[in-house]
PDB file of N, CA and C in Angstrom:
ATOM      1  N   MET A   1      35.787 -83.457  87.918  1.00  0.00           N
ATOM      2  CA  MET A   1      35.900 -83.763  86.507  1.00  0.00           C
ATOM      3  C   MET A   1      36.803 -82.718  85.857  1.00  0.00           C
ATOM      4  N   THR A   2      37.680 -83.149  85.023  1.00  0.00           N
ATOM      5  CA  THR A   2      38.613 -82.252  84.368  1.00  0.00           C
ATOM      6  C   THR A   2      38.100 -81.872  82.979  1.00  0.00           C
ATOM      7  N   LEU A   3      38.167 -80.594  82.700  1.00  0.00           N
ATOM      8  CA  LEU A   3      37.836 -80.070  81.383  1.00  0.00           C
ATOM      9  C   LEU A   3      39.093 -79.394  80.845  1.00  0.00           C
ATOM     10  N   ASP A   4      39.308 -79.458  79.545  1.00  0.00           N
ATOM     11  CA  ASP A   4      40.502 -78.881  78.960  1.00  0.00           C
ATOM     12  C   ASP A   4      40.313 -77.474  78.415  1.00  0.00           C
ATOM     13  N   TYR A   5      39.098 -77.108  78.025  1.00  0.00           N
ATOM     14  CA  TYR A   5      38.854 -75.830  77.360  1.00  0.00           C
ATOM     15  C   TYR A   5      38.010 -74.862  78.177  1.00  0.00           C
ATOM     16  N   LEU A   6      37.102 -75.362  78.975  1.00  0.00           N
ATOM     17  CA  LEU A   6      36.230 -74.493  79.753  1.00  0.00           C
ATOM     18  C   LEU A   6      36.833 -74.249  81.131  1.00  0.00           C
ATOM     19  N   LEU A   7      37.043 -72.991  81.451  1.00  0.00           N
ATOM     20  CA  LEU A   7      37.498 -72.558  82.768  1.00  0.00           C
ATOM     21  C   LEU A   7      36.453 -71.562  83.241  1.00  0.00           C
ATOM     22  N   PHE A   8      35.797 -71.866  84.361  1.00  0.00           N
ATOM     23  CA  PHE A   8      34.666 -71.075  84.825  1.00  0.00           C
ATOM     24  C   PHE A   8      35.083 -70.046  85.859  1.00  0.00           C
ATOM     25  N   ASP A   9      34.626 -68.820  85.663  1.00  0.00           N
ATOM     26  CA  ASP A   9      34.700 -67.797  86.694  1.00  0.00           C
ATOM     27  C   ASP A   9      33.406 -67.903  87.485  1.00  0.00           C
ATOM     28  N   HIS A  10      33.511 -67.830  88.793  1.00  0.00           N
ATOM     29  CA  HIS A  10      32.358 -67.959  89.680  1.00  0.00           C
ATOM     30  C   HIS A  10      32.140 -66.663  90.424  1.00  0.00           C
ATOM     31  N   SER A  11      30.901 -66.205  90.436  1.00  0.00           N
ATOM     32  CA  SER A  11      30.557 -65.028  91.248  1.00  0.00           C
ATOM     33  C   SER A  11      29.252 -65.321  91.982  1.00  0.00           C
ATOM     34  N   ASP A  12      29.190 -64.811  93.203  1.00  0.00           N
ATOM     35  CA  ASP A  12      27.999 -64.971  94.033  1.00  0.00           C
ATOM     36  C   ASP A  12      27.089 -63.777  93.838  1.00  0.00           C
ATOM     37  N   GLY A  13      25.782 -64.067  93.737  1.00  0.00           N
ATOM     38  CA  GLY A  13      24.800 -63.002  93.738  1.00  0.00           C
ATOM     39  C   GLY A  13      24.415 -62.708  95.181  1.00  0.00           C
ATOM     40  N   GLY A  14      23.761 -61.618  95.405  1.00  0.00           N
ATOM     41  CA  GLY A  14      23.360 -61.264  96.751  1.00  0.00           C
ATOM     42  C   GLY A  14      22.121 -62.005  97.226  1.00  0.00           C
ATOM     43  N   ASP A  15      21.565 -62.832  96.386  1.00  0.00           N
ATOM     44  CA  ASP A  15      20.289 -63.484  96.703  1.00  0.00           C
ATOM     45  C   ASP A  15      20.403 -65.006  96.674  1.00  0.00           C
ATOM     46  N   ASP A  16      21.516 -65.541  97.183  1.00  0.00           N
ATOM     47  CA  ASP A  16      21.762 -66.989  97.212  1.00  0.00           C
ATOM     48  C   ASP A  16      21.798 -67.612  95.821  1.00  0.00           C
ATOM     49  N   THR A  17      22.245 -66.846  94.836  1.00  0.00           N
ATOM     50  CA  THR A  17      22.438 -67.381  93.494  1.00  0.00           C
ATOM     51  C   THR A  17      23.919 -67.275  93.133  1.00  0.00           C
ATOM     52  N   SER A  18      24.312 -68.074  92.180  1.00  0.00           N
ATOM     53  CA  SER A  18      25.684 -68.042  91.688  1.00  0.00           C
ATOM     54  C   SER A  18      25.668 -67.962  90.173  1.00  0.00           C
ATOM     55  N   LEU A  19      26.733 -67.409  89.633  1.00  0.00           N
ATOM     56  CA  LEU A  19      26.923 -67.336  88.191  1.00  0.00           C
ATOM     57  C   LEU A  19      28.266 -67.986  87.871  1.00  0.00           C
ATOM     58  N   PHE A  20      28.248 -68.902  86.908  1.00  0.00           N
ATOM     59  CA  PHE A  20      29.449 -69.559  86.410  1.00  0.00           C
ATOM     60  C   PHE A  20      29.552 -69.205  84.940  1.00  0.00           C
ATOM     61  N   GLU A  21      30.685 -68.613  84.534  1.00  0.00           N
ATOM     62  CA  GLU A  21      30.874 -68.217  83.144  1.00  0.00           C
ATOM     63  C   GLU A  21      32.186 -68.770  82.609  1.00  0.00           C
ATOM     64  N   ALA A  22      32.119 -69.279  81.386  1.00  0.00           N
ATOM     65  CA  ALA A  22      33.323 -69.780  80.706  1.00  0.00           C
ATOM     66  C   ALA A  22      33.349 -69.252  79.286  1.00  0.00           C
ATOM     67  N   LEU A  23      34.526 -68.948  78.807  1.00  0.00           N
ATOM     68  CA  LEU A  23      34.722 -68.490  77.440  1.00  0.00           C
ATOM     69  C   LEU A  23      35.860 -69.310  76.838  1.00  0.00           C
ATOM     70  N   ALA A  24      35.600 -69.882  75.686  1.00  0.00           N
ATOM     71  CA  ALA A  24      36.642 -70.616  74.955  1.00  0.00           C
ATOM     72  C   ALA A  24      36.641 -70.114  73.512  1.00  0.00           C
ATOM     73  N   THR A  25      37.801 -69.751  73.025  1.00  0.00           N
ATOM     74  CA  THR A  25      37.957 -69.332  71.632  1.00  0.00           C
ATOM     75  C   THR A  25      38.966 -70.275  70.994  1.00  0.00           C
ATOM     76  N   VAL A  26      38.517 -70.972  69.959  1.00  0.00           N
ATOM     77  CA  VAL A  26      39.354 -72.019  69.362  1.00  0.00           C
ATOM     78  C   VAL A  26      39.252 -71.990  67.842  1.00  0.00           C
ATOM     79  N   GLY A  27      40.209 -72.675  67.220  1.00  0.00           N
ATOM     80  CA  GLY A  27      40.169 -72.877  65.792  1.00  0.00           C
ATOM     81  C   GLY A  27      39.263 -74.054  65.452  1.00  0.00           C
ATOM     82  N   PRO A  28      39.004 -74.258  64.175  1.00  0.00           N
ATOM     83  CA  PRO A  28      38.072 -75.298  63.741  1.00  0.00           C
ATOM     84  C   PRO A  28      38.433 -76.711  64.218  1.00  0.00           C
ATOM     85  N   GLU A  29      39.718 -76.979  64.380  1.00  0.00           N
ATOM     86  CA  GLU A  29      40.153 -78.311  64.798  1.00  0.00           C
ATOM     87  C   GLU A  29      39.803 -78.611  66.258  1.00  0.00           C
ATOM     88  N   ARG A  30      39.448 -77.599  67.042  1.00  0.00           N
ATOM     89  CA  ARG A  30      39.128 -77.776  68.462  1.00  0.00           C
ATOM     90  C   ARG A  30      37.637 -77.586  68.773  1.00  0.00           C
ATOM     91  N   GLU A  31      36.855 -77.166  67.792  1.00  0.00           N
ATOM     92  CA  GLU A  31      35.430 -76.903  68.029  1.00  0.00           C
ATOM     93  C   GLU A  31      34.694 -78.113  68.596  1.00  0.00           C
ATOM     94  N   ALA A  32      34.933 -79.268  68.047  1.00  0.00           N
ATOM     95  CA  ALA A  32      34.238 -80.479  68.512  1.00  0.00           C
ATOM     96  C   ALA A  32      34.567 -80.774  69.977  1.00  0.00           C
ATOM     97  N   ALA A  33      35.803 -80.544  70.368  1.00  0.00           N
ATOM     98  CA  ALA A  33      36.197 -80.803  71.761  1.00  0.00           C
ATOM     99  C   ALA A  33      35.505 -79.829  72.708  1.00  0.00           C
ATOM    100  N   VAL A  34      35.398 -78.561  72.301  1.00  0.00           N
ATOM    101  CA  VAL A  34      34.710 -77.581  73.161  1.00  0.00           C
ATOM    102  C   VAL A  34      33.226 -77.927  73.252  1.00  0.00           C
ATOM    103  N   ARG A  35      32.621 -78.275  72.122  1.00  0.00           N
ATOM    104  CA  ARG A  35      31.204 -78.662  72.139  1.00  0.00           C
ATOM    105  C   ARG A  35      30.977 -79.883  73.039  1.00  0.00           C
ATOM    106  N   ALA A  36      31.898 -80.819  73.024  1.00  0.00           N
ATOM    107  CA  ALA A  36      31.780 -82.004  73.877  1.00  0.00           C
ATOM    108  C   ALA A  36      31.856 -81.616  75.359  1.00  0.00           C
ATOM    109  N   GLU A  37      32.719 -80.673  75.701  1.00  0.00           N
ATOM    110  CA  GLU A  37      32.795 -80.228  77.092  1.00  0.00           C
ATOM    111  C   GLU A  37      31.531 -79.502  77.508  1.00  0.00           C
ATOM    112  N   ILE A  38      30.977 -78.689  76.628  1.00  0.00           N
ATOM    113  CA  ILE A  38      29.711 -77.994  76.928  1.00  0.00           C
ATOM    114  C   ILE A  38      28.616 -79.031  77.161  1.00  0.00           C
ATOM    115  N   GLU A  39      28.567 -80.045  76.316  1.00  0.00           N
ATOM    116  CA  GLU A  39      27.573 -81.112  76.489  1.00  0.00           C
ATOM    117  C   GLU A  39      27.781 -81.877  77.789  1.00  0.00           C
ATOM    118  N   THR A  40      29.016 -82.073  78.178  1.00  0.00           N
ATOM    119  CA  THR A  40      29.320 -82.740  79.446  1.00  0.00           C
ATOM    120  C   THR A  40      28.749 -81.946  80.616  1.00  0.00           C
ATOM    121  N   VAL A  41      29.016 -80.647  80.634  1.00  0.00           N
ATOM    122  CA  VAL A  41      28.546 -79.791  81.727  1.00  0.00           C
ATOM    123  C   VAL A  41      27.021 -79.707  81.729  1.00  0.00           C
ATOM    124  N   MET A  42      26.445 -79.465  80.568  1.00  0.00           N
ATOM    125  CA  MET A  42      24.982 -79.330  80.478  1.00  0.00           C
ATOM    126  C   MET A  42      24.294 -80.661  80.795  1.00  0.00           C
ATOM    127  N   GLY A  43      24.857 -81.755  80.344  1.00  0.00           N
ATOM    128  CA  GLY A  43      24.296 -83.067  80.630  1.00  0.00           C
ATOM    129  C   GLY A  43      24.336 -83.380  82.118  1.00  0.00           C
ATOM    130  N   TRP A  44      25.454 -83.032  82.764  1.00  0.00           N
ATOM    131  CA  TRP A  44      25.564 -83.239  84.204  1.00  0.00           C
ATOM    132  C   TRP A  44      24.460 -82.451  84.925  1.00  0.00           C
ATOM    133  N   ALA A  45      24.316 -81.180  84.575  1.00  0.00           N
ATOM    134  CA  ALA A  45      23.313 -80.330  85.233  1.00  0.00           C
ATOM    135  C   ALA A  45      21.900 -80.877  85.020  1.00  0.00           C
ATOM    136  N   ALA A  46      21.613 -81.306  83.793  1.00  0.00           N
ATOM    137  CA  ALA A  46      20.274 -81.836  83.486  1.00  0.00           C
ATOM    138  C   ALA A  46      19.989 -83.119  84.259  1.00  0.00           C
ATOM    139  N   ARG A  47      20.997 -83.957  84.417  1.00  0.00           N
ATOM    140  CA  ARG A  47      20.799 -85.218  85.172  1.00  0.00           C
ATOM    141  C   ARG A  47      20.743 -84.960  86.685  1.00  0.00           C
ATOM    142  N   ARG A  48      21.666 -84.169  87.180  1.00  0.00           N
ATOM    143  CA  ARG A  48      21.776 -83.944  88.628  1.00  0.00           C
ATOM    144  C   ARG A  48      20.585 -83.150  89.162  1.00  0.00           C
ATOM    145  N   PHE A  49      20.074 -82.218  88.357  1.00  0.00           N
ATOM    146  CA  PHE A  49      18.943 -81.385  88.758  1.00  0.00           C
ATOM    147  C   PHE A  49      17.789 -81.584  87.764  1.00  0.00           C
ATOM    148  N   ARG A  50      17.467 -82.821  87.536  1.00  0.00           N
ATOM    149  CA  ARG A  50      16.439 -83.227  86.573  1.00  0.00           C
ATOM    150  C   ARG A  50      15.114 -82.502  86.844  1.00  0.00           C
ATOM    151  N   GLY A  51      14.593 -81.885  85.785  1.00  0.00           N
ATOM    152  CA  GLY A  51      13.302 -81.219  85.879  1.00  0.00           C
ATOM    153  C   GLY A  51      13.322 -79.910  86.640  1.00  0.00           C
ATOM    154  N   ARG A  52      14.524 -79.435  86.985  1.00  0.00           N
ATOM    155  CA  ARG A  52      14.594 -78.214  87.790  1.00  0.00           C
ATOM    156  C   ARG A  52      15.320 -77.080  87.073  1.00  0.00           C
ATOM    157  N   ARG A  53      15.360 -77.180  85.729  1.00  0.00           N
ATOM    158  CA  ARG A  53      15.963 -76.095  84.960  1.00  0.00           C
ATOM    159  C   ARG A  53      14.940 -74.982  84.785  1.00  0.00           C
ATOM    160  N   GLY A  54      15.381 -73.781  85.022  1.00  0.00           N
ATOM    161  CA  GLY A  54      14.555 -72.600  84.862  1.00  0.00           C
ATOM    162  C   GLY A  54      15.185 -71.455  85.625  1.00  0.00           C
ATOM    163  N   PRO A  55      14.737 -70.248  85.367  1.00  0.00           N
ATOM    164  CA  PRO A  55      15.302 -69.104  86.074  1.00  0.00           C
ATOM    165  C   PRO A  55      15.207 -69.293  87.593  1.00  0.00           C
ATOM    166  N   VAL A  56      16.303 -69.032  88.274  1.00  0.00           N
ATOM    167  CA  VAL A  56      16.354 -69.219  89.719  1.00  0.00           C
ATOM    168  C   VAL A  56      15.329 -68.315  90.402  1.00  0.00           C
ATOM    169  N   GLU A  57      15.167 -67.101  89.887  1.00  0.00           N
ATOM    170  CA  GLU A  57      14.212 -66.168  90.495  1.00  0.00           C
ATOM    171  C   GLU A  57      12.764 -66.628  90.340  1.00  0.00           C
ATOM    172  N   GLU A  58      12.547 -67.626  89.488  1.00  0.00           N
ATOM    173  CA  GLU A  58      11.201 -68.190  89.313  1.00  0.00           C
ATOM    174  C   GLU A  58      11.087 -69.585  89.914  1.00  0.00           C
ATOM    175  N   GLY A  59      12.063 -69.966  90.737  1.00  0.00           N
ATOM    176  CA  GLY A  59      12.006 -71.236  91.436  1.00  0.00           C
ATOM    177  C   GLY A  59      12.824 -72.365  90.844  1.00  0.00           C
ATOM    178  N   GLY A  60      13.505 -72.114  89.720  1.00  0.00           N
ATOM    179  CA  GLY A  60      14.370 -73.132  89.134  1.00  0.00           C
ATOM    180  C   GLY A  60      15.659 -73.254  89.931  1.00  0.00           C
ATOM    181  N   ASP A  61      16.345 -74.365  89.742  1.00  0.00           N
ATOM    182  CA  ASP A  61      17.645 -74.549  90.396  1.00  0.00           C
ATOM    183  C   ASP A  61      18.803 -74.099  89.526  1.00  0.00           C
ATOM    184  N   TRP A  62      18.601 -74.110  88.205  1.00  0.00           N
ATOM    185  CA  TRP A  62      19.686 -73.691  87.327  1.00  0.00           C
ATOM    186  C   TRP A  62      19.131 -73.309  85.960  1.00  0.00           C
ATOM    187  N   ASP A  63      19.887 -72.517  85.247  1.00  0.00           N
ATOM    188  CA  ASP A  63      19.570 -72.176  83.875  1.00  0.00           C
ATOM    189  C   ASP A  63      20.881 -71.855  83.171  1.00  0.00           C
ATOM    190  N   ALA A  64      20.866 -71.917  81.865  1.00  0.00           N
ATOM    191  CA  ALA A  64      22.107 -71.699  81.121  1.00  0.00           C
ATOM    192  C   ALA A  64      21.834 -70.955  79.833  1.00  0.00           C
ATOM    193  N   ASP A  65      22.876 -70.288  79.360  1.00  0.00           N
ATOM    194  CA  ASP A  65      22.828 -69.577  78.089  1.00  0.00           C
ATOM    195  C   ASP A  65      24.153 -69.833  77.384  1.00  0.00           C
ATOM    196  N   LEU A  66      24.075 -70.204  76.120  1.00  0.00           N
ATOM    197  CA  LEU A  66      25.263 -70.429  75.312  1.00  0.00           C
ATOM    198  C   LEU A  66      25.231 -69.497  74.124  1.00  0.00           C
ATOM    199  N   GLU A  67      26.296 -68.736  73.965  1.00  0.00           N
ATOM    200  CA  GLU A  67      26.449 -67.874  72.799  1.00  0.00           C
ATOM    201  C   GLU A  67      27.667 -68.335  72.016  1.00  0.00           C
ATOM    202  N   GLU A  68      27.490 -68.425  70.714  1.00  0.00           N
ATOM    203  CA  GLU A  68      28.598 -68.769  69.826  1.00  0.00           C
ATOM    204  C   GLU A  68      28.784 -67.616  68.845  1.00  0.00           C
ATOM    205  N   ARG A  69      30.047 -67.345  68.544  1.00  0.00           N
ATOM    206  CA  ARG A  69      30.328 -66.248  67.627  1.00  0.00           C
ATOM    207  C   ARG A  69      31.558 -66.580  66.796  1.00  0.00           C
ATOM    208  N   GLN A  70      31.470 -66.291  65.518  1.00  0.00           N
ATOM    209  CA  GLN A  70      32.624 -66.443  64.635  1.00  0.00           C
ATOM    210  C   GLN A  70      33.525 -65.243  64.851  1.00  0.00           C
ATOM    211  N   GLU A  71      34.790 -65.493  65.141  1.00  0.00           N
ATOM    212  CA  GLU A  71      35.766 -64.438  65.403  1.00  0.00           C
ATOM    213  C   GLU A  71      36.770 -64.416  64.250  1.00  0.00           C
ATOM    214  N   GLY A  72      36.411 -63.776  63.179  1.00  0.00           N
ATOM    215  CA  GLY A  72      37.265 -63.761  62.014  1.00  0.00           C
ATOM    216  C   GLY A  72      37.135 -65.070  61.250  1.00  0.00           C
ATOM    217  N   PRO A  73      38.011 -65.296  60.280  1.00  0.00           N
ATOM    218  CA  PRO A  73      37.850 -66.468  59.421  1.00  0.00           C
ATOM    219  C   PRO A  73      38.215 -67.800  60.081  1.00  0.00           C
ATOM    220  N   ALA A  74      39.000 -67.776  61.172  1.00  0.00           N
ATOM    221  CA  ALA A  74      39.524 -69.053  61.659  1.00  0.00           C
ATOM    222  C   ALA A  74      39.254 -69.341  63.138  1.00  0.00           C
ATOM    223  N   LEU A  75      38.527 -68.490  63.822  1.00  0.00           N
ATOM    224  CA  LEU A  75      38.282 -68.719  65.244  1.00  0.00           C
ATOM    225  C   LEU A  75      36.792 -68.667  65.565  1.00  0.00           C
ATOM    226  N   ARG A  76      36.392 -69.457  66.537  1.00  0.00           N
ATOM    227  CA  ARG A  76      35.008 -69.463  67.008  1.00  0.00           C
ATOM    228  C   ARG A  76      35.050 -69.343  68.528  1.00  0.00           C
ATOM    229  N   SER A  77      34.187 -68.458  69.076  1.00  0.00           N
ATOM    230  CA  SER A  77      34.077 -68.265  70.518  1.00  0.00           C
ATOM    231  C   SER A  77      32.811 -68.908  71.040  1.00  0.00           C
ATOM    232  N   PHE A  78      32.946 -69.506  72.218  1.00  0.00           N
ATOM    233  CA  PHE A  78      31.823 -70.117  72.937  1.00  0.00           C
ATOM    234  C   PHE A  78      31.770 -69.462  74.307  1.00  0.00           C
ATOM    235  N   HIS A  79      30.653 -68.863  74.646  1.00  0.00           N
ATOM    236  CA  HIS A  79      30.480 -68.242  75.958  1.00  0.00           C
ATOM    237  C   HIS A  79      29.317 -68.951  76.648  1.00  0.00           C
ATOM    238  N   LEU A  80      29.624 -69.667  77.713  1.00  0.00           N
ATOM    239  CA  LEU A  80      28.623 -70.421  78.456  1.00  0.00           C
ATOM    240  C   LEU A  80      28.419 -69.756  79.813  1.00  0.00           C
ATOM    241  N   SER A  81      27.181 -69.357  80.097  1.00  0.00           N
ATOM    242  CA  SER A  81      26.800 -68.776  81.387  1.00  0.00           C
ATOM    243  C   SER A  81      25.785 -69.687  82.046  1.00  0.00           C
ATOM    244  N   ILE A  82      26.047 -70.024  83.287  1.00  0.00           N
ATOM    245  CA  ILE A  82      25.125 -70.876  84.045  1.00  0.00           C
ATOM    246  C   ILE A  82      24.836 -70.171  85.363  1.00  0.00           C
ATOM    247  N   THR A  83      23.548 -69.977  85.638  1.00  0.00           N
ATOM    248  CA  THR A  83      23.129 -69.438  86.927  1.00  0.00           C
ATOM    249  C   THR A  83      22.551 -70.590  87.739  1.00  0.00           C
ATOM    250  N   GLY A  84      22.708 -70.498  89.038  1.00  0.00           N
ATOM    251  CA  GLY A  84      22.202 -71.585  89.864  1.00  0.00           C
ATOM    252  C   GLY A  84      21.908 -71.173  91.284  1.00  0.00           C
ATOM    253  N   SER A  85      21.085 -71.982  91.915  1.00  0.00           N
ATOM    254  CA  SER A  85      20.763 -71.808  93.325  1.00  0.00           C
ATOM    255  C   SER A  85      21.992 -72.174  94.171  1.00  0.00           C
ATOM    256  N   ALA A  86      21.884 -71.946  95.468  1.00  0.00           N
ATOM    257  CA  ALA A  86      22.984 -72.308  96.367  1.00  0.00           C
ATOM    258  C   ALA A  86      23.267 -73.798  96.305  1.00  0.00           C
ATOM    259  N   ALA A  87      22.218 -74.627  96.233  1.00  0.00           N
ATOM    260  CA  ALA A  87      22.406 -76.090  96.141  1.00  0.00           C
ATOM    261  C   ALA A  87      23.097 -76.460  94.836  1.00  0.00           C
ATOM    262  N   PHE A  88      22.716 -75.807  93.747  1.00  0.00           N
ATOM    263  CA  PHE A  88      23.346 -76.071  92.460  1.00  0.00           C
ATOM    264  C   PHE A  88      24.818 -75.677  92.507  1.00  0.00           C
ATOM    265  N   ALA A  89      25.105 -74.493  93.044  1.00  0.00           N
ATOM    266  CA  ALA A  89      26.488 -74.011  93.106  1.00  0.00           C
ATOM    267  C   ALA A  89      27.362 -74.977  93.902  1.00  0.00           C
ATOM    268  N   GLU A  90      26.854 -75.451  95.015  1.00  0.00           N
ATOM    269  CA  GLU A  90      27.608 -76.394  95.828  1.00  0.00           C
ATOM    270  C   GLU A  90      27.908 -77.676  95.058  1.00  0.00           C
ATOM    271  N   ALA A  91      26.910 -78.203  94.364  1.00  0.00           N
ATOM    272  CA  ALA A  91      27.099 -79.424  93.579  1.00  0.00           C
ATOM    273  C   ALA A  91      28.023 -79.176  92.387  1.00  0.00           C
ATOM    274  N   PHE A  92      27.891 -78.013  91.726  1.00  0.00           N
ATOM    275  CA  PHE A  92      28.722 -77.668  90.572  1.00  0.00           C
ATOM    276  C   PHE A  92      30.190 -77.608  90.988  1.00  0.00           C
ATOM    277  N   ILE A  93      30.461 -76.937  92.093  1.00  0.00           N
ATOM    278  CA  ILE A  93      31.834 -76.826  92.565  1.00  0.00           C
ATOM    279  C   ILE A  93      32.389 -78.189  92.982  1.00  0.00           C
ATOM    280  N   ALA A  94      31.553 -79.009  93.577  1.00  0.00           N
ATOM    281  CA  ALA A  94      31.994 -80.351  93.955  1.00  0.00           C
ATOM    282  C   ALA A  94      32.362 -81.166  92.711  1.00  0.00           C
ATOM    283  N   GLU A  95      31.618 -80.986  91.636  1.00  0.00           N
ATOM    284  CA  GLU A  95      31.843 -81.767  90.407  1.00  0.00           C
ATOM    285  C   GLU A  95      32.951 -81.176  89.533  1.00  0.00           C
ATOM    286  N   PHE A  96      32.980 -79.857  89.389  1.00  0.00           N
ATOM    287  CA  PHE A  96      33.880 -79.202  88.440  1.00  0.00           C
ATOM    288  C   PHE A  96      34.864 -78.238  89.118  1.00  0.00           C
ATOM    289  N   GLY A  97      35.076 -78.395  90.398  1.00  0.00           N
ATOM    290  CA  GLY A  97      35.898 -77.458  91.173  1.00  0.00           C
ATOM    291  C   GLY A  97      37.284 -77.212  90.625  1.00  0.00           C
ATOM    292  N   ASP A  98      37.860 -78.177  89.916  1.00  0.00           N
ATOM    293  CA  ASP A  98      39.209 -77.986  89.380  1.00  0.00           C
ATOM    294  C   ASP A  98      39.239 -76.998  88.213  1.00  0.00           C
ATOM    295  N   VAL A  99      38.073 -76.609  87.682  1.00  0.00           N
ATOM    296  CA  VAL A  99      38.038 -75.629  86.595  1.00  0.00           C
ATOM    297  C   VAL A  99      37.194 -74.407  86.967  1.00  0.00           C
ATOM    298  N   VAL A 100      37.053 -74.157  88.260  1.00  0.00           N
ATOM    299  CA  VAL A 100      36.289 -73.001  88.740  1.00  0.00           C
ATOM    300  C   VAL A 100      37.225 -72.059  89.489  1.00  0.00           C
ATOM    301  N   ASN A 101      37.244 -70.808  89.085  1.00  0.00           N
ATOM    302  CA  ASN A 101      38.008 -69.761  89.782  1.00  0.00           C
ATOM    303  C   ASN A 101      37.084 -69.032  90.730  1.00  0.00           C
TER     304      ASN A 101
END
């Protein structure tokens, strides 16, 4: 799946976990598009790993954190962090591999 604003950096944890992080900073005219991409990613994870959201260290397959911040008068930043099990990471890369570094 192609995303236009979210580009994920991927790092492996030492305990069979992965971290996917994306940062997008846009003006007001692009906020809706970034929010739609975040919803796309989060919706995919919720459907693909239904009922398995929660901290990986507590037995969940994935969890996410979204931070939004106003960057001056005309820019807004979105920082999306997703942690996942090995199975989640494999599925995430299969689905969104074109936007994962």
